[in-house]
Amino acid sequence: MSTQTFTLDDLRRILLEGAGADEGVDLDGDILDVQFEALGYESLALLETGSRIEREYKIVLDEDLLTDADTPRALIAAVNGHLTAVPSAA
């Protein structure tokens, strides 16, 4: 199993690299349970975020996962669930 962990800092970085941030949105604040839509990220931005996560962590995320995980906490948990299921490279 992989020992990688996907963190809120990882998500913030990927969101900023992929879609930037709306003015007035403080991604450095307590955003774990804020819905992505309230943070200014619509479905297209989340698909881009998912693609970046897949490339960086070498996992495959179901498109439904990206629509069901409507908060950073939910997405982080889902990504970490995939990471623990992936065998680590020796």
PDB file of N, CA and C in Angstrom:
ATOM      1  N   MET A   1       0.826  -1.184   0.000  1.00  0.00           N
ATOM      2  CA  MET A   1       0.000   0.000   0.000  1.00  0.00           C
ATOM      3  C   MET A   1       0.873   1.250   0.000  1.00  0.00           C
ATOM      4  N   SER A   2       0.323   2.306  -0.547  1.00  0.00           N
ATOM      5  CA  SER A   2       1.040   3.564  -0.597  1.00  0.00           C
ATOM      6  C   SER A   2       1.104   4.211   0.785  1.00  0.00           C
ATOM      7  N   THR A   3       2.203   4.890   1.040  1.00  0.00           N
ATOM      8  CA  THR A   3       2.323   5.625   2.306  1.00  0.00           C
ATOM      9  C   THR A   3       2.078   7.103   2.090  1.00  0.00           C
ATOM     10  N   GLN A   4       1.734   7.481   0.843  1.00  0.00           N
ATOM     11  CA  GLN A   4       1.441   8.873   0.555  1.00  0.00           C
ATOM     12  C   GLN A   4       0.148   9.285   1.230  1.00  0.00           C
ATOM     13  N   THR A   5       0.102  10.530   1.634  1.00  0.00           N
ATOM     14  CA  THR A   5      -1.114  11.092   2.194  1.00  0.00           C
ATOM     15  C   THR A   5      -1.425  12.390   1.461  1.00  0.00           C
ATOM     16  N   PHE A   6      -2.664  12.533   1.079  1.00  0.00           N
ATOM     17  CA  PHE A   6      -3.127  13.754   0.418  1.00  0.00           C
ATOM     18  C   PHE A   6      -3.661  14.686   1.498  1.00  0.00           C
ATOM     19  N   THR A   7      -3.115  15.879   1.566  1.00  0.00           N
ATOM     20  CA  THR A   7      -3.460  16.802   2.644  1.00  0.00           C
ATOM     21  C   THR A   7      -4.211  18.030   2.121  1.00  0.00           C
ATOM     22  N   LEU A   8      -4.703  18.822   3.050  1.00  0.00           N
ATOM     23  CA  LEU A   8      -5.364  20.078   2.676  1.00  0.00           C
ATOM     24  C   LEU A   8      -4.382  20.998   1.953  1.00  0.00           C
ATOM     25  N   ASP A   9      -3.136  21.026   2.380  1.00  0.00           N
ATOM     26  CA  ASP A   9      -2.133  21.843   1.686  1.00  0.00           C
ATOM     27  C   ASP A   9      -1.937  21.369   0.255  1.00  0.00           C
ATOM     28  N   ASP A  10      -1.945  20.054   0.041  1.00  0.00           N
ATOM     29  CA  ASP A  10      -1.834  19.520  -1.319  1.00  0.00           C
ATOM     30  C   ASP A  10      -3.023  19.981  -2.157  1.00  0.00           C
ATOM     31  N   LEU A  11      -4.211  19.891  -1.580  1.00  0.00           N
ATOM     32  CA  LEU A  11      -5.414  20.306  -2.309  1.00  0.00           C
ATOM     33  C   LEU A  11      -5.370  21.804  -2.624  1.00  0.00           C
ATOM     34  N   ARG A  12      -4.987  22.606  -1.654  1.00  0.00           N
ATOM     35  CA  ARG A  12      -4.889  24.058  -1.908  1.00  0.00           C
ATOM     36  C   ARG A  12      -3.945  24.346  -3.076  1.00  0.00           C
ATOM     37  N   ARG A  13      -2.788  23.708  -3.058  1.00  0.00           N
ATOM     38  CA  ARG A  13      -1.798  23.930  -4.114  1.00  0.00           C
ATOM     39  C   ARG A  13      -2.379  23.531  -5.473  1.00  0.00           C
ATOM     40  N   ILE A  14      -3.009  22.387  -5.538  1.00  0.00           N
ATOM     41  CA  ILE A  14      -3.547  21.903  -6.816  1.00  0.00           C
ATOM     42  C   ILE A  14      -4.694  22.789  -7.289  1.00  0.00           C
ATOM     43  N   LEU A  15      -5.544  23.216  -6.370  1.00  0.00           N
ATOM     44  CA  LEU A  15      -6.636  24.125  -6.756  1.00  0.00           C
ATOM     45  C   LEU A  15      -6.070  25.418  -7.331  1.00  0.00           C
ATOM     46  N   LEU A  16      -5.070  25.974  -6.669  1.00  0.00           N
ATOM     47  CA  LEU A  16      -4.488  27.240  -7.130  1.00  0.00           C
ATOM     48  C   LEU A  16      -3.770  27.075  -8.463  1.00  0.00           C
ATOM     49  N   GLU A  17      -3.053  25.970  -8.621  1.00  0.00           N
ATOM     50  CA  GLU A  17      -2.339  25.726  -9.885  1.00  0.00           C
ATOM     51  C   GLU A  17      -3.310  25.500 -11.036  1.00  0.00           C
ATOM     52  N   GLY A  18      -4.402  24.820 -10.763  1.00  0.00           N
ATOM     53  CA  GLY A  18      -5.318  24.446 -11.831  1.00  0.00           C
ATOM     54  C   GLY A  18      -6.368  25.468 -12.162  1.00  0.00           C
ATOM     55  N   ALA A  19      -6.900  26.116 -11.147  1.00  0.00           N
ATOM     56  CA  ALA A  19      -8.034  27.010 -11.394  1.00  0.00           C
ATOM     57  C   ALA A  19      -7.884  28.372 -10.742  1.00  0.00           C
ATOM     58  N   GLY A  20      -6.813  28.573  -9.996  1.00  0.00           N
ATOM     59  CA  GLY A  20      -6.661  29.843  -9.317  1.00  0.00           C
ATOM     60  C   GLY A  20      -7.661  29.957  -8.186  1.00  0.00           C
ATOM     61  N   ALA A  21      -7.889  31.183  -7.741  1.00  0.00           N
ATOM     62  CA  ALA A  21      -8.849  31.413  -6.659  1.00  0.00           C
ATOM     63  C   ALA A  21      -9.598  32.702  -6.926  1.00  0.00           C
ATOM     64  N   ASP A  22     -10.878  32.695  -6.588  1.00  0.00           N
ATOM     65  CA  ASP A  22     -11.671  33.907  -6.706  1.00  0.00           C
ATOM     66  C   ASP A  22     -11.183  34.937  -5.699  1.00  0.00           C
ATOM     67  N   GLU A  23     -11.291  36.208  -6.108  1.00  0.00           N
ATOM     68  CA  GLU A  23     -10.984  37.260  -5.147  1.00  0.00           C
ATOM     69  C   GLU A  23     -11.957  37.137  -3.988  1.00  0.00           C
ATOM     70  N   GLY A  24     -11.480  37.361  -2.813  1.00  0.00           N
ATOM     71  CA  GLY A  24     -12.344  37.303  -1.647  1.00  0.00           C
ATOM     72  C   GLY A  24     -12.427  35.923  -1.032  1.00  0.00           C
ATOM     73  N   VAL A  25     -11.817  34.925  -1.677  1.00  0.00           N
ATOM     74  CA  VAL A  25     -11.802  33.577  -1.111  1.00  0.00           C
ATOM     75  C   VAL A  25     -10.437  33.339  -0.490  1.00  0.00           C
ATOM     76  N   ASP A  26     -10.439  33.030   0.789  1.00  0.00           N
ATOM     77  CA  ASP A  26      -9.202  32.786   1.510  1.00  0.00           C
ATOM     78  C   ASP A  26      -9.013  31.282   1.664  1.00  0.00           C
ATOM     79  N   LEU A  27      -8.234  30.710   0.758  1.00  0.00           N
ATOM     80  CA  LEU A  27      -8.011  29.269   0.837  1.00  0.00           C
ATOM     81  C   LEU A  27      -7.153  28.885   2.032  1.00  0.00           C
ATOM     82  N   ASP A  28      -6.500  29.871   2.642  1.00  0.00           N
ATOM     83  CA  ASP A  28      -5.683  29.577   3.815  1.00  0.00           C
ATOM     84  C   ASP A  28      -6.522  29.496   5.090  1.00  0.00           C
ATOM     85  N   GLY A  29      -7.785  29.851   4.999  1.00  0.00           N
ATOM     86  CA  GLY A  29      -8.662  29.807   6.163  1.00  0.00           C
ATOM     87  C   GLY A  29      -9.173  28.389   6.420  1.00  0.00           C
ATOM     88  N   ASP A  30     -10.139  28.285   7.304  1.00  0.00           N
ATOM     89  CA  ASP A  30     -10.736  26.993   7.648  1.00  0.00           C
ATOM     90  C   ASP A  30     -11.761  26.631   6.571  1.00  0.00           C
ATOM     91  N   ILE A  31     -11.314  25.909   5.565  1.00  0.00           N
ATOM     92  CA  ILE A  31     -12.170  25.612   4.409  1.00  0.00           C
ATOM     93  C   ILE A  31     -12.563  24.144   4.326  1.00  0.00           C
ATOM     94  N   LEU A  32     -12.150  23.335   5.268  1.00  0.00           N
ATOM     95  CA  LEU A  32     -12.378  21.890   5.165  1.00  0.00           C
ATOM     96  C   LEU A  32     -13.830  21.518   4.880  1.00  0.00           C
ATOM     97  N   ASP A  33     -14.760  22.213   5.519  1.00  0.00           N
ATOM     98  CA  ASP A  33     -16.168  21.847   5.377  1.00  0.00           C
ATOM     99  C   ASP A  33     -16.973  22.857   4.566  1.00  0.00           C
ATOM    100  N   VAL A  34     -16.275  23.709   3.827  1.00  0.00           N
ATOM    101  CA  VAL A  34     -16.948  24.677   2.962  1.00  0.00           C
ATOM    102  C   VAL A  34     -17.148  24.027   1.592  1.00  0.00           C
ATOM    103  N   GLN A  35     -18.337  24.139   1.061  1.00  0.00           N
ATOM    104  CA  GLN A  35     -18.598  23.534  -0.244  1.00  0.00           C
ATOM    105  C   GLN A  35     -17.750  24.211  -1.323  1.00  0.00           C
ATOM    106  N   PHE A  36     -17.285  23.394  -2.269  1.00  0.00           N
ATOM    107  CA  PHE A  36     -16.441  23.913  -3.336  1.00  0.00           C
ATOM    108  C   PHE A  36     -17.123  25.067  -4.073  1.00  0.00           C
ATOM    109  N   GLU A  37     -18.409  24.947  -4.267  1.00  0.00           N
ATOM    110  CA  GLU A  37     -19.129  26.003  -4.976  1.00  0.00           C
ATOM    111  C   GLU A  37     -19.012  27.333  -4.238  1.00  0.00           C
ATOM    112  N   ALA A  38     -19.072  27.301  -2.916  1.00  0.00           N
ATOM    113  CA  ALA A  38     -18.931  28.520  -2.121  1.00  0.00           C
ATOM    114  C   ALA A  38     -17.506  29.071  -2.191  1.00  0.00           C
ATOM    115  N   LEU A  39     -16.558  28.187  -2.478  1.00  0.00           N
ATOM    116  CA  LEU A  39     -15.161  28.616  -2.631  1.00  0.00           C
ATOM    117  C   LEU A  39     -14.879  29.122  -4.042  1.00  0.00           C
ATOM    118  N   GLY A  40     -15.874  29.012  -4.923  1.00  0.00           N
ATOM    119  CA  GLY A  40     -15.718  29.506  -6.284  1.00  0.00           C
ATOM    120  C   GLY A  40     -15.285  28.457  -7.277  1.00  0.00           C
ATOM    121  N   TYR A  41     -15.358  27.187  -6.896  1.00  0.00           N
ATOM    122  CA  TYR A  41     -14.939  26.111  -7.801  1.00  0.00           C
ATOM    123  C   TYR A  41     -16.168  25.355  -8.304  1.00  0.00           C
ATOM    124  N   GLU A  42     -16.406  25.492  -9.596  1.00  0.00           N
ATOM    125  CA  GLU A  42     -17.522  24.800 -10.239  1.00  0.00           C
ATOM    126  C   GLU A  42     -17.042  23.433 -10.734  1.00  0.00           C
ATOM    127  N   SER A  43     -17.935  22.708 -11.371  1.00  0.00           N
ATOM    128  CA  SER A  43     -17.622  21.331 -11.773  1.00  0.00           C
ATOM    129  C   SER A  43     -16.421  21.236 -12.709  1.00  0.00           C
ATOM    130  N   LEU A  44     -16.263  22.168 -13.631  1.00  0.00           N
ATOM    131  CA  LEU A  44     -15.131  22.111 -14.558  1.00  0.00           C
ATOM    132  C   LEU A  44     -13.812  22.268 -13.800  1.00  0.00           C
ATOM    133  N   ALA A  45     -13.786  23.167 -12.853  1.00  0.00           N
ATOM    134  CA  ALA A  45     -12.570  23.360 -12.046  1.00  0.00           C
ATOM    135  C   ALA A  45     -12.272  22.113 -11.224  1.00  0.00           C
ATOM    136  N   LEU A  46     -13.306  21.446 -10.757  1.00  0.00           N
ATOM    137  CA  LEU A  46     -13.089  20.230  -9.966  1.00  0.00           C
ATOM    138  C   LEU A  46     -12.621  19.076 -10.846  1.00  0.00           C
ATOM    139  N   LEU A  47     -13.103  19.027 -12.083  1.00  0.00           N
ATOM    140  CA  LEU A  47     -12.602  18.003 -13.004  1.00  0.00           C
ATOM    141  C   LEU A  47     -11.119  18.220 -13.281  1.00  0.00           C
ATOM    142  N   GLU A  48     -10.730  19.482 -13.470  1.00  0.00           N
ATOM    143  CA  GLU A  48      -9.313  19.797 -13.673  1.00  0.00           C
ATOM    144  C   GLU A  48      -8.515  19.424 -12.428  1.00  0.00           C
ATOM    145  N   THR A  49      -9.064  19.720 -11.264  1.00  0.00           N
ATOM    146  CA  THR A  49      -8.399  19.359 -10.005  1.00  0.00           C
ATOM    147  C   THR A  49      -8.237  17.849  -9.921  1.00  0.00           C
ATOM    148  N   GLY A  50      -9.280  17.121 -10.268  1.00  0.00           N
ATOM    149  CA  GLY A  50      -9.201  15.665 -10.240  1.00  0.00           C
ATOM    150  C   GLY A  50      -8.143  15.126 -11.196  1.00  0.00           C
ATOM    151  N   SER A  51      -8.061  15.720 -12.380  1.00  0.00           N
ATOM    152  CA  SER A  51      -7.052  15.290 -13.353  1.00  0.00           C
ATOM    153  C   SER A  51      -5.652  15.531 -12.813  1.00  0.00           C
ATOM    154  N   ARG A  52      -5.464  16.653 -12.171  1.00  0.00           N
ATOM    155  CA  ARG A  52      -4.138  16.948 -11.605  1.00  0.00           C
ATOM    156  C   ARG A  52      -3.803  15.988 -10.463  1.00  0.00           C
ATOM    157  N   ILE A  53      -4.777  15.672  -9.662  1.00  0.00           N
ATOM    158  CA  ILE A  53      -4.544  14.714  -8.567  1.00  0.00           C
ATOM    159  C   ILE A  53      -4.174  13.354  -9.150  1.00  0.00           C
ATOM    160  N   GLU A  54      -4.908  12.940 -10.174  1.00  0.00           N
ATOM    161  CA  GLU A  54      -4.634  11.632 -10.799  1.00  0.00           C
ATOM    162  C   GLU A  54      -3.210  11.570 -11.344  1.00  0.00           C
ATOM    163  N   ARG A  55      -2.805  12.626 -12.040  1.00  0.00           N
ATOM    164  CA  ARG A  55      -1.447  12.628 -12.624  1.00  0.00           C
ATOM    165  C   ARG A  55      -0.376  12.639 -11.533  1.00  0.00           C
ATOM    166  N   GLU A  56      -0.569  13.470 -10.542  1.00  0.00           N
ATOM    167  CA  GLU A  56       0.460  13.613  -9.515  1.00  0.00           C
ATOM    168  C   GLU A  56       0.561  12.378  -8.618  1.00  0.00           C
ATOM    169  N   TYR A  57      -0.572  11.775  -8.291  1.00  0.00           N
ATOM    170  CA  TYR A  57      -0.580  10.657  -7.335  1.00  0.00           C
ATOM    171  C   TYR A  57      -0.739   9.296  -8.016  1.00  0.00           C
ATOM    172  N   LYS A  58      -0.827   9.331  -9.348  1.00  0.00           N
ATOM    173  CA  LYS A  58      -0.916   8.087 -10.137  1.00  0.00           C
ATOM    174  C   LYS A  58      -2.065   7.185  -9.657  1.00  0.00           C
ATOM    175  N   ILE A  59      -3.220   7.810  -9.530  1.00  0.00           N
ATOM    176  CA  ILE A  59      -4.433   7.088  -9.180  1.00  0.00           C
ATOM    177  C   ILE A  59      -5.513   7.455 -10.194  1.00  0.00           C
ATOM    178  N   VAL A  60      -6.581   6.698 -10.196  1.00  0.00           N
ATOM    179  CA  VAL A  60      -7.720   6.997 -11.060  1.00  0.00           C
ATOM    180  C   VAL A  60      -8.914   7.296 -10.162  1.00  0.00           C
ATOM    181  N   LEU A  61      -9.476   8.473 -10.358  1.00  0.00           N
ATOM    182  CA  LEU A  61     -10.639   8.881  -9.569  1.00  0.00           C
ATOM    183  C   LEU A  61     -11.885   8.784 -10.429  1.00  0.00           C
ATOM    184  N   ASP A  62     -12.913   8.198  -9.883  1.00  0.00           N
ATOM    185  CA  ASP A  62     -14.201   8.121 -10.573  1.00  0.00           C
ATOM    186  C   ASP A  62     -14.785   9.525 -10.681  1.00  0.00           C
ATOM    187  N   GLU A  63     -15.345   9.830 -11.845  1.00  0.00           N
ATOM    188  CA  GLU A  63     -15.923  11.152 -12.052  1.00  0.00           C
ATOM    189  C   GLU A  63     -17.019  11.443 -11.018  1.00  0.00           C
ATOM    190  N   ASP A  64     -17.770  10.403 -10.624  1.00  0.00           N
ATOM    191  CA  ASP A  64     -18.817  10.588  -9.616  1.00  0.00           C
ATOM    192  C   ASP A  64     -18.226  11.006  -8.277  1.00  0.00           C
ATOM    193  N   LEU A  65     -17.028  10.533  -7.986  1.00  0.00           N
ATOM    194  CA  LEU A  65     -16.370  10.913  -6.734  1.00  0.00           C
ATOM    195  C   LEU A  65     -16.196  12.429  -6.679  1.00  0.00           C
ATOM    196  N   LEU A  66     -15.827  13.016  -7.817  1.00  0.00           N
ATOM    197  CA  LEU A  66     -15.585  14.459  -7.847  1.00  0.00           C
ATOM    198  C   LEU A  66     -16.874  15.255  -7.680  1.00  0.00           C
ATOM    199  N   THR A  67     -17.980  14.700  -8.103  1.00  0.00           N
ATOM    200  CA  THR A  67     -19.241  15.418  -7.926  1.00  0.00           C
ATOM    201  C   THR A  67     -19.831  15.147  -6.542  1.00  0.00           C
ATOM    202  N   ASP A  68     -19.560  13.960  -5.997  1.00  0.00           N
ATOM    203  CA  ASP A  68     -20.082  13.629  -4.673  1.00  0.00           C
ATOM    204  C   ASP A  68     -19.290  14.300  -3.552  1.00  0.00           C
ATOM    205  N   ALA A  69     -17.994  14.472  -3.752  1.00  0.00           N
ATOM    206  CA  ALA A  69     -17.153  15.100  -2.732  1.00  0.00           C
ATOM    207  C   ALA A  69     -17.293  16.609  -2.885  1.00  0.00           C
ATOM    208  N   ASP A  70     -18.232  17.176  -2.145  1.00  0.00           N
ATOM    209  CA  ASP A  70     -18.541  18.591  -2.339  1.00  0.00           C
ATOM    210  C   ASP A  70     -17.795  19.538  -1.404  1.00  0.00           C
ATOM    211  N   THR A  71     -16.938  18.987  -0.562  1.00  0.00           N
ATOM    212  CA  THR A  71     -16.121  19.819   0.325  1.00  0.00           C
ATOM    213  C   THR A  71     -14.673  19.328   0.263  1.00  0.00           C
ATOM    214  N   PRO A  72     -13.744  20.183   0.627  1.00  0.00           N
ATOM    215  CA  PRO A  72     -12.344  19.727   0.683  1.00  0.00           C
ATOM    216  C   PRO A  72     -12.169  18.504   1.577  1.00  0.00           C
ATOM    217  N   ARG A  73     -12.825  18.454   2.725  1.00  0.00           N
ATOM    218  CA  ARG A  73     -12.685  17.297   3.621  1.00  0.00           C
ATOM    219  C   ARG A  73     -13.122  16.001   2.914  1.00  0.00           C
ATOM    220  N   ALA A  74     -14.235  16.068   2.208  1.00  0.00           N
ATOM    221  CA  ALA A  74     -14.732  14.876   1.518  1.00  0.00           C
ATOM    222  C   ALA A  74     -13.784  14.454   0.396  1.00  0.00           C
ATOM    223  N   LEU A  75     -13.242  15.409  -0.344  1.00  0.00           N
ATOM    224  CA  LEU A  75     -12.325  15.069  -1.439  1.00  0.00           C
ATOM    225  C   LEU A  75     -11.018  14.508  -0.892  1.00  0.00           C
ATOM    226  N   ILE A  76     -10.497  15.105   0.159  1.00  0.00           N
ATOM    227  CA  ILE A  76      -9.252  14.614   0.765  1.00  0.00           C
ATOM    228  C   ILE A  76      -9.449  13.178   1.254  1.00  0.00           C
ATOM    229  N   ALA A  77     -10.567  12.910   1.898  1.00  0.00           N
ATOM    230  CA  ALA A  77     -10.836  11.553   2.391  1.00  0.00           C
ATOM    231  C   ALA A  77     -10.934  10.568   1.227  1.00  0.00           C
ATOM    232  N   ALA A  78     -11.596  10.970   0.165  1.00  0.00           N
ATOM    233  CA  ALA A  78     -11.742  10.081  -0.991  1.00  0.00           C
ATOM    234  C   ALA A  78     -10.384   9.809  -1.646  1.00  0.00           C
ATOM    235  N   VAL A  79      -9.581  10.844  -1.805  1.00  0.00           N
ATOM    236  CA  VAL A  79      -8.257  10.651  -2.422  1.00  0.00           C
ATOM    237  C   VAL A  79      -7.405   9.759  -1.527  1.00  0.00           C
ATOM    238  N   ASN A  80      -7.417  10.006  -0.235  1.00  0.00           N
ATOM    239  CA  ASN A  80      -6.627   9.161   0.671  1.00  0.00           C
ATOM    240  C   ASN A  80      -7.128   7.723   0.662  1.00  0.00           C
ATOM    241  N   GLY A  81      -8.406   7.524   0.475  1.00  0.00           N
ATOM    242  CA  GLY A  81      -8.939   6.166   0.348  1.00  0.00           C
ATOM    243  C   GLY A  81      -8.367   5.451  -0.870  1.00  0.00           C
ATOM    244  N   HIS A  82      -8.195   6.186  -1.966  1.00  0.00           N
ATOM    245  CA  HIS A  82      -7.586   5.615  -3.169  1.00  0.00           C
ATOM    246  C   HIS A  82      -6.098   5.374  -2.953  1.00  0.00           C
ATOM    247  N   LEU A  83      -5.434   6.296  -2.265  1.00  0.00           N
ATOM    248  CA  LEU A  83      -3.987   6.149  -2.054  1.00  0.00           C
ATOM    249  C   LEU A  83      -3.672   4.925  -1.202  1.00  0.00           C
ATOM    250  N   THR A  84      -4.494   4.646  -0.221  1.00  0.00           N
ATOM    251  CA  THR A  84      -4.208   3.487   0.632  1.00  0.00           C
ATOM    252  C   THR A  84      -4.498   2.182  -0.094  1.00  0.00           C
ATOM    253  N   ALA A  85      -5.295   2.256  -1.152  1.00  0.00           N
ATOM    254  CA  ALA A  85      -5.616   1.053  -1.911  1.00  0.00           C
ATOM    255  C   ALA A  85      -4.588   0.761  -2.996  1.00  0.00           C
ATOM    256  N   VAL A  86      -3.716   1.755  -3.288  1.00  0.00           N
ATOM    257  CA  VAL A  86      -2.723   1.600  -4.347  1.00  0.00           C
ATOM    258  C   VAL A  86      -1.445   1.004  -3.771  1.00  0.00           C
ATOM    259  N   PRO A  87      -0.955  -0.089  -4.372  1.00  0.00           N
ATOM    260  CA  PRO A  87       0.327  -0.629  -3.902  1.00  0.00           C
ATOM    261  C   PRO A  87       1.432   0.385  -4.129  1.00  0.00           C
ATOM    262  N   SER A  88       2.320   0.550  -3.161  1.00  0.00           N
ATOM    263  CA  SER A  88       3.421   1.496  -3.314  1.00  0.00           C
ATOM    264  C   SER A  88       4.513   0.882  -4.175  1.00  0.00           C
ATOM    265  N   ALA A  89       5.202   1.749  -4.900  1.00  0.00           N
ATOM    266  CA  ALA A  89       6.318   1.296  -5.729  1.00  0.00           C
ATOM    267  C   ALA A  89       7.485   0.921  -4.825  1.00  0.00           C
ATOM    268  N   ALA A  90       8.108  -0.168  -5.136  1.00  0.00           N
ATOM    269  CA  ALA A  90       9.237  -0.603  -4.301  1.00  0.00           C
ATOM    270  C   ALA A  90      10.521   0.032  -4.753  1.00  0.00           C
TER     271      ALA A  90
END
